[in-house]
Amino acid sequence: MKRFGEKLRTLRQQHGMSQGDVGDMLGVSQRHVSNMERGEKMPHVAMLLKISRIFDVSSDQLIKDELEL
């Protein structure tokens, strides 16, 4: 799950969203999203599922380092 943050950043940028936009959708601050992208925080299961729904990717793609987006 080391690559989660970079995958989150890539998906966010591909969808033309700011960290604040993603934070609003997840019910967290922009800072929290920034921390996740830098690998300083990891999402809990419910948030991980929300992220996968927002970006229409599987949770496996988000958490398994060997799987690409």
PDB file of N, CA and C in Angstrom:
ATOM      1  N   MET A   1       0.824  -1.197   0.000  1.00  0.00           N
ATOM      2  CA  MET A   1       0.000   0.000   0.000  1.00  0.00           C
ATOM      3  C   MET A   1       0.869   1.262   0.000  1.00  0.00           C
ATOM      4  N   LYS A   2       2.139   1.086  -0.283  1.00  0.00           N
ATOM      5  CA  LYS A   2       3.057   2.226  -0.331  1.00  0.00           C
ATOM      6  C   LYS A   2       2.682   3.214  -1.425  1.00  0.00           C
ATOM      7  N   ARG A   3       2.138   2.717  -2.505  1.00  0.00           N
ATOM      8  CA  ARG A   3       1.841   3.567  -3.664  1.00  0.00           C
ATOM      9  C   ARG A   3       0.452   4.193  -3.614  1.00  0.00           C
ATOM     10  N   PHE A   4      -0.309   3.951  -2.559  1.00  0.00           N
ATOM     11  CA  PHE A   4      -1.679   4.474  -2.484  1.00  0.00           C
ATOM     12  C   PHE A   4      -1.716   5.981  -2.740  1.00  0.00           C
ATOM     13  N   GLY A   5      -0.854   6.718  -2.060  1.00  0.00           N
ATOM     14  CA  GLY A   5      -0.859   8.178  -2.178  1.00  0.00           C
ATOM     15  C   GLY A   5      -0.617   8.658  -3.592  1.00  0.00           C
ATOM     16  N   GLU A   6       0.329   8.043  -4.264  1.00  0.00           N
ATOM     17  CA  GLU A   6       0.605   8.475  -5.638  1.00  0.00           C
ATOM     18  C   GLU A   6      -0.539   8.098  -6.566  1.00  0.00           C
ATOM     19  N   LYS A   7      -1.195   6.971  -6.298  1.00  0.00           N
ATOM     20  CA  LYS A   7      -2.360   6.596  -7.103  1.00  0.00           C
ATOM     21  C   LYS A   7      -3.509   7.578  -6.871  1.00  0.00           C
ATOM     22  N   LEU A   8      -3.714   7.960  -5.621  1.00  0.00           N
ATOM     23  CA  LEU A   8      -4.768   8.925  -5.307  1.00  0.00           C
ATOM     24  C   LEU A   8      -4.497  10.246  -6.017  1.00  0.00           C
ATOM     25  N   ARG A   9      -3.270  10.726  -5.969  1.00  0.00           N
ATOM     26  CA  ARG A   9      -2.909  11.984  -6.637  1.00  0.00           C
ATOM     27  C   ARG A   9      -3.140  11.873  -8.146  1.00  0.00           C
ATOM     28  N   THR A  10      -2.715  10.770  -8.737  1.00  0.00           N
ATOM     29  CA  THR A  10      -2.891  10.577 -10.176  1.00  0.00           C
ATOM     30  C   THR A  10      -4.365  10.605 -10.558  1.00  0.00           C
ATOM     31  N   LEU A  11      -5.187   9.868  -9.828  1.00  0.00           N
ATOM     32  CA  LEU A  11      -6.622   9.832 -10.126  1.00  0.00           C
ATOM     33  C   LEU A  11      -7.244  11.215  -9.967  1.00  0.00           C
ATOM     34  N   ARG A  12      -6.885  11.904  -8.897  1.00  0.00           N
ATOM     35  CA  ARG A  12      -7.436  13.237  -8.643  1.00  0.00           C
ATOM     36  C   ARG A  12      -7.083  14.170  -9.796  1.00  0.00           C
ATOM     37  N   GLN A  13      -5.836  14.157 -10.225  1.00  0.00           N
ATOM     38  CA  GLN A  13      -5.393  15.031 -11.308  1.00  0.00           C
ATOM     39  C   GLN A  13      -6.038  14.643 -12.639  1.00  0.00           C
ATOM     40  N   GLN A  14      -6.175  13.349 -12.894  1.00  0.00           N
ATOM     41  CA  GLN A  14      -6.812  12.892 -14.139  1.00  0.00           C
ATOM     42  C   GLN A  14      -8.260  13.365 -14.225  1.00  0.00           C
ATOM     43  N   HIS A  15      -8.903  13.496 -13.072  1.00  0.00           N
ATOM     44  CA  HIS A  15     -10.297  13.933 -13.040  1.00  0.00           C
ATOM     45  C   HIS A  15     -10.425  15.450 -12.872  1.00  0.00           C
ATOM     46  N   GLY A  16      -9.303  16.161 -12.898  1.00  0.00           N
ATOM     47  CA  GLY A  16      -9.330  17.614 -12.813  1.00  0.00           C
ATOM     48  C   GLY A  16      -9.853  18.147 -11.493  1.00  0.00           C
ATOM     49  N   MET A  17      -9.587  17.400 -10.430  1.00  0.00           N
ATOM     50  CA  MET A  17     -10.096  17.783  -9.113  1.00  0.00           C
ATOM     51  C   MET A  17      -8.966  18.317  -8.231  1.00  0.00           C
ATOM     52  N   SER A  18      -9.331  19.219  -7.331  1.00  0.00           N
ATOM     53  CA  SER A  18      -8.369  19.711  -6.347  1.00  0.00           C
ATOM     54  C   SER A  18      -8.433  18.807  -5.114  1.00  0.00           C
ATOM     55  N   GLN A  19      -7.455  18.958  -4.252  1.00  0.00           N
ATOM     56  CA  GLN A  19      -7.483  18.217  -2.982  1.00  0.00           C
ATOM     57  C   GLN A  19      -8.713  18.616  -2.176  1.00  0.00           C
ATOM     58  N   GLY A  20      -9.091  19.885  -2.259  1.00  0.00           N
ATOM     59  CA  GLY A  20     -10.288  20.352  -1.562  1.00  0.00           C
ATOM     60  C   GLY A  20     -11.552  19.690  -2.090  1.00  0.00           C
ATOM     61  N   ASP A  21     -11.624  19.515  -3.427  1.00  0.00           N
ATOM     62  CA  ASP A  21     -12.785  18.847  -4.037  1.00  0.00           C
ATOM     63  C   ASP A  21     -12.924  17.424  -3.492  1.00  0.00           C
ATOM     64  N   VAL A  22     -11.816  16.704  -3.483  1.00  0.00           N
ATOM     65  CA  VAL A  22     -11.830  15.319  -3.000  1.00  0.00           C
ATOM     66  C   VAL A  22     -12.174  15.297  -1.509  1.00  0.00           C
ATOM     67  N   GLY A  23     -11.581  16.207  -0.766  1.00  0.00           N
ATOM     68  CA  GLY A  23     -11.883  16.294   0.660  1.00  0.00           C
ATOM     69  C   GLY A  23     -13.360  16.520   0.922  1.00  0.00           C
ATOM     70  N   ASP A  24     -13.969  17.421   0.152  1.00  0.00           N
ATOM     71  CA  ASP A  24     -15.402  17.686   0.304  1.00  0.00           C
ATOM     72  C   ASP A  24     -16.227  16.429   0.050  1.00  0.00           C
ATOM     73  N   MET A  25     -15.853  15.675  -0.963  1.00  0.00           N
ATOM     74  CA  MET A  25     -16.588  14.453  -1.295  1.00  0.00           C
ATOM     75  C   MET A  25     -16.418  13.378  -0.219  1.00  0.00           C
ATOM     76  N   LEU A  26     -15.256  13.401   0.445  1.00  0.00           N
ATOM     77  CA  LEU A  26     -14.972  12.389   1.471  1.00  0.00           C
ATOM     78  C   LEU A  26     -15.363  12.852   2.872  1.00  0.00           C
ATOM     79  N   GLY A  27     -15.665  14.132   3.008  1.00  0.00           N
ATOM     80  CA  GLY A  27     -16.000  14.669   4.325  1.00  0.00           C
ATOM     81  C   GLY A  27     -14.783  14.896   5.207  1.00  0.00           C
ATOM     82  N   VAL A  28     -13.642  15.194   4.566  1.00  0.00           N
ATOM     83  CA  VAL A  28     -12.411  15.483   5.304  1.00  0.00           C
ATOM     84  C   VAL A  28     -11.820  16.780   4.758  1.00  0.00           C
ATOM     85  N   SER A  29     -10.799  17.282   5.413  1.00  0.00           N
ATOM     86  CA  SER A  29     -10.169  18.526   4.986  1.00  0.00           C
ATOM     87  C   SER A  29      -9.231  18.299   3.796  1.00  0.00           C
ATOM     88  N   GLN A  30      -8.896  19.397   3.146  1.00  0.00           N
ATOM     89  CA  GLN A  30      -7.906  19.355   2.070  1.00  0.00           C
ATOM     90  C   GLN A  30      -6.587  18.839   2.619  1.00  0.00           C
ATOM     91  N   ARG A  31      -6.267  19.243   3.832  1.00  0.00           N
ATOM     92  CA  ARG A  31      -5.016  18.821   4.485  1.00  0.00           C
ATOM     93  C   ARG A  31      -4.968  17.299   4.646  1.00  0.00           C
ATOM     94  N   HIS A  32      -6.105  16.705   4.994  1.00  0.00           N
ATOM     95  CA  HIS A  32      -6.168  15.250   5.163  1.00  0.00           C
ATOM     96  C   HIS A  32      -5.867  14.552   3.831  1.00  0.00           C
ATOM     97  N   VAL A  33      -6.447  15.064   2.755  1.00  0.00           N
ATOM     98  CA  VAL A  33      -6.190  14.498   1.424  1.00  0.00           C
ATOM     99  C   VAL A  33      -4.710  14.649   1.080  1.00  0.00           C
ATOM    100  N   SER A  34      -4.156  15.817   1.362  1.00  0.00           N
ATOM    101  CA  SER A  34      -2.732  16.050   1.117  1.00  0.00           C
ATOM    102  C   SER A  34      -1.878  15.052   1.895  1.00  0.00           C
ATOM    103  N   ASN A  35      -2.220  14.813   3.143  1.00  0.00           N
ATOM    104  CA  ASN A  35      -1.491  13.855   3.974  1.00  0.00           C
ATOM    105  C   ASN A  35      -1.588  12.437   3.410  1.00  0.00           C
ATOM    106  N   MET A  36      -2.747  12.071   2.883  1.00  0.00           N
ATOM    107  CA  MET A  36      -2.887  10.746   2.277  1.00  0.00           C
ATOM    108  C   MET A  36      -2.027  10.642   1.027  1.00  0.00           C
ATOM    109  N   GLU A  37      -2.016  11.694   0.216  1.00  0.00           N
ATOM    110  CA  GLU A  37      -1.225  11.666  -1.013  1.00  0.00           C
ATOM    111  C   GLU A  37       0.268  11.567  -0.717  1.00  0.00           C
ATOM    112  N   ARG A  38       0.700  12.144   0.379  1.00  0.00           N
ATOM    113  CA  ARG A  38       2.114  12.080   0.758  1.00  0.00           C
ATOM    114  C   ARG A  38       2.447  10.811   1.544  1.00  0.00           C
ATOM    115  N   GLY A  39       1.450   9.981   1.824  1.00  0.00           N
ATOM    116  CA  GLY A  39       1.695   8.741   2.548  1.00  0.00           C
ATOM    117  C   GLY A  39       1.798   8.914   4.048  1.00  0.00           C
ATOM    118  N   GLU A  40       1.409  10.075   4.550  1.00  0.00           N
ATOM    119  CA  GLU A  40       1.463  10.332   5.987  1.00  0.00           C
ATOM    120  C   GLU A  40       0.235   9.815   6.722  1.00  0.00           C
ATOM    121  N   LYS A  41      -0.845   9.624   5.993  1.00  0.00           N
ATOM    122  CA  LYS A  41      -2.075   9.055   6.555  1.00  0.00           C
ATOM    123  C   LYS A  41      -2.602   8.010   5.588  1.00  0.00           C
ATOM    124  N   MET A  42      -3.211   6.995   6.143  1.00  0.00           N
ATOM    125  CA  MET A  42      -3.836   5.965   5.325  1.00  0.00           C
ATOM    126  C   MET A  42      -5.347   6.000   5.591  1.00  0.00           C
ATOM    127  N   PRO A  43      -6.145   5.774   4.565  1.00  0.00           N
ATOM    128  CA  PRO A  43      -7.596   5.820   4.749  1.00  0.00           C
ATOM    129  C   PRO A  43      -8.109   4.580   5.479  1.00  0.00           C
ATOM    130  N   HIS A  44      -9.181   4.771   6.236  1.00  0.00           N
ATOM    131  CA  HIS A  44      -9.842   3.621   6.826  1.00  0.00           C
ATOM    132  C   HIS A  44     -10.678   2.951   5.732  1.00  0.00           C
ATOM    133  N   VAL A  45     -11.194   1.787   6.014  1.00  0.00           N
ATOM    134  CA  VAL A  45     -11.867   0.972   4.988  1.00  0.00           C
ATOM    135  C   VAL A  45     -13.035   1.712   4.337  1.00  0.00           C
ATOM    136  N   ALA A  46     -13.858   2.355   5.133  1.00  0.00           N
ATOM    137  CA  ALA A  46     -15.021   3.049   4.562  1.00  0.00           C
ATOM    138  C   ALA A  46     -14.577   4.158   3.603  1.00  0.00           C
ATOM    139  N   MET A  47     -13.521   4.875   3.961  1.00  0.00           N
ATOM    140  CA  MET A  47     -13.029   5.946   3.095  1.00  0.00           C
ATOM    141  C   MET A  47     -12.409   5.359   1.830  1.00  0.00           C
ATOM    142  N   LEU A  48     -11.715   4.267   1.958  1.00  0.00           N
ATOM    143  CA  LEU A  48     -11.127   3.605   0.802  1.00  0.00           C
ATOM    144  C   LEU A  48     -12.218   3.218  -0.202  1.00  0.00           C
ATOM    145  N   LEU A  49     -13.317   2.701   0.298  1.00  0.00           N
ATOM    146  CA  LEU A  49     -14.435   2.330  -0.581  1.00  0.00           C
ATOM    147  C   LEU A  49     -15.040   3.560  -1.252  1.00  0.00           C
ATOM    148  N   LYS A  50     -15.152   4.666  -0.516  1.00  0.00           N
ATOM    149  CA  LYS A  50     -15.658   5.916  -1.098  1.00  0.00           C
ATOM    150  C   LYS A  50     -14.739   6.391  -2.224  1.00  0.00           C
ATOM    151  N   ILE A  51     -13.443   6.336  -1.970  1.00  0.00           N
ATOM    152  CA  ILE A  51     -12.473   6.764  -2.986  1.00  0.00           C
ATOM    153  C   ILE A  51     -12.603   5.906  -4.240  1.00  0.00           C
ATOM    154  N   SER A  52     -12.747   4.599  -4.053  1.00  0.00           N
ATOM    155  CA  SER A  52     -12.863   3.716  -5.220  1.00  0.00           C
ATOM    156  C   SER A  52     -14.140   4.020  -6.008  1.00  0.00           C
ATOM    157  N   ARG A  53     -15.216   4.390  -5.317  1.00  0.00           N
ATOM    158  CA  ARG A  53     -16.462   4.740  -6.008  1.00  0.00           C
ATOM    159  C   ARG A  53     -16.338   6.078  -6.731  1.00  0.00           C
ATOM    160  N   ILE A  54     -15.718   7.056  -6.082  1.00  0.00           N
ATOM    161  CA  ILE A  54     -15.562   8.380  -6.689  1.00  0.00           C
ATOM    162  C   ILE A  54     -14.812   8.279  -8.015  1.00  0.00           C
ATOM    163  N   PHE A  55     -13.736   7.492  -8.026  1.00  0.00           N
ATOM    164  CA  PHE A  55     -12.887   7.414  -9.216  1.00  0.00           C
ATOM    165  C   PHE A  55     -13.165   6.186 -10.077  1.00  0.00           C
ATOM    166  N   ASP A  56     -14.162   5.397  -9.714  1.00  0.00           N
ATOM    167  CA  ASP A  56     -14.579   4.225 -10.489  1.00  0.00           C
ATOM    168  C   ASP A  56     -13.414   3.262 -10.750  1.00  0.00           C
ATOM    169  N   VAL A  57     -12.699   2.932  -9.674  1.00  0.00           N
ATOM    170  CA  VAL A  57     -11.638   1.926  -9.716  1.00  0.00           C
ATOM    171  C   VAL A  57     -11.890   0.942  -8.578  1.00  0.00           C
ATOM    172  N   SER A  58     -11.299  -0.223  -8.666  1.00  0.00           N
ATOM    173  CA  SER A  58     -11.482  -1.200  -7.597  1.00  0.00           C
ATOM    174  C   SER A  58     -10.603  -0.830  -6.402  1.00  0.00           C
ATOM    175  N   SER A  59     -11.018  -1.249  -5.234  1.00  0.00           N
ATOM    176  CA  SER A  59     -10.200  -1.007  -4.037  1.00  0.00           C
ATOM    177  C   SER A  59      -8.872  -1.750  -4.165  1.00  0.00           C
ATOM    178  N   ASP A  60      -8.872  -2.899  -4.820  1.00  0.00           N
ATOM    179  CA  ASP A  60      -7.620  -3.632  -5.055  1.00  0.00           C
ATOM    180  C   ASP A  60      -6.629  -2.784  -5.846  1.00  0.00           C
ATOM    181  N   GLN A  61      -7.115  -2.083  -6.859  1.00  0.00           N
ATOM    182  CA  GLN A  61      -6.226  -1.244  -7.657  1.00  0.00           C
ATOM    183  C   GLN A  61      -5.603  -0.142  -6.804  1.00  0.00           C
ATOM    184  N   LEU A  62      -6.344   0.341  -5.823  1.00  0.00           N
ATOM    185  CA  LEU A  62      -5.829   1.403  -4.962  1.00  0.00           C
ATOM    186  C   LEU A  62      -4.786   0.901  -3.958  1.00  0.00           C
ATOM    187  N   ILE A  63      -5.013  -0.294  -3.412  1.00  0.00           N
ATOM    188  CA  ILE A  63      -4.163  -0.714  -2.296  1.00  0.00           C
ATOM    189  C   ILE A  63      -3.044  -1.679  -2.667  1.00  0.00           C
ATOM    190  N   LYS A  64      -3.179  -2.387  -3.763  1.00  0.00           N
ATOM    191  CA  LYS A  64      -2.136  -3.328  -4.135  1.00  0.00           C
ATOM    192  C   LYS A  64      -1.086  -2.635  -4.994  1.00  0.00           C
ATOM    193  N   ASP A  65       0.124  -2.578  -4.478  1.00  0.00           N
ATOM    194  CA  ASP A  65       1.205  -1.873  -5.165  1.00  0.00           C
ATOM    195  C   ASP A  65       1.468  -2.429  -6.556  1.00  0.00           C
ATOM    196  N   GLU A  66       1.289  -3.716  -6.745  1.00  0.00           N
ATOM    197  CA  GLU A  66       1.607  -4.329  -8.035  1.00  0.00           C
ATOM    198  C   GLU A  66       0.551  -4.094  -9.102  1.00  0.00           C
ATOM    199  N   LEU A  67      -0.628  -3.606  -8.719  1.00  0.00           N
ATOM    200  CA  LEU A  67      -1.685  -3.344  -9.694  1.00  0.00           C
ATOM    201  C   LEU A  67      -1.646  -1.890 -10.124  1.00  0.00           C
ATOM    202  N   GLU A  68      -1.725  -1.685 -11.421  1.00  0.00           N
ATOM    203  CA  GLU A  68      -1.752  -0.328 -11.979  1.00  0.00           C
ATOM    204  C   GLU A  68      -3.188   0.145 -12.079  1.00  0.00           C
ATOM    205  N   LEU A  69      -3.335   1.430 -12.279  1.00  0.00           N
ATOM    206  CA  LEU A  69      -4.679   2.014 -12.439  1.00  0.00           C
ATOM    207  C   LEU A  69      -5.202   1.775 -13.822  1.00  0.00           C
TER     208      LEU A  69
END
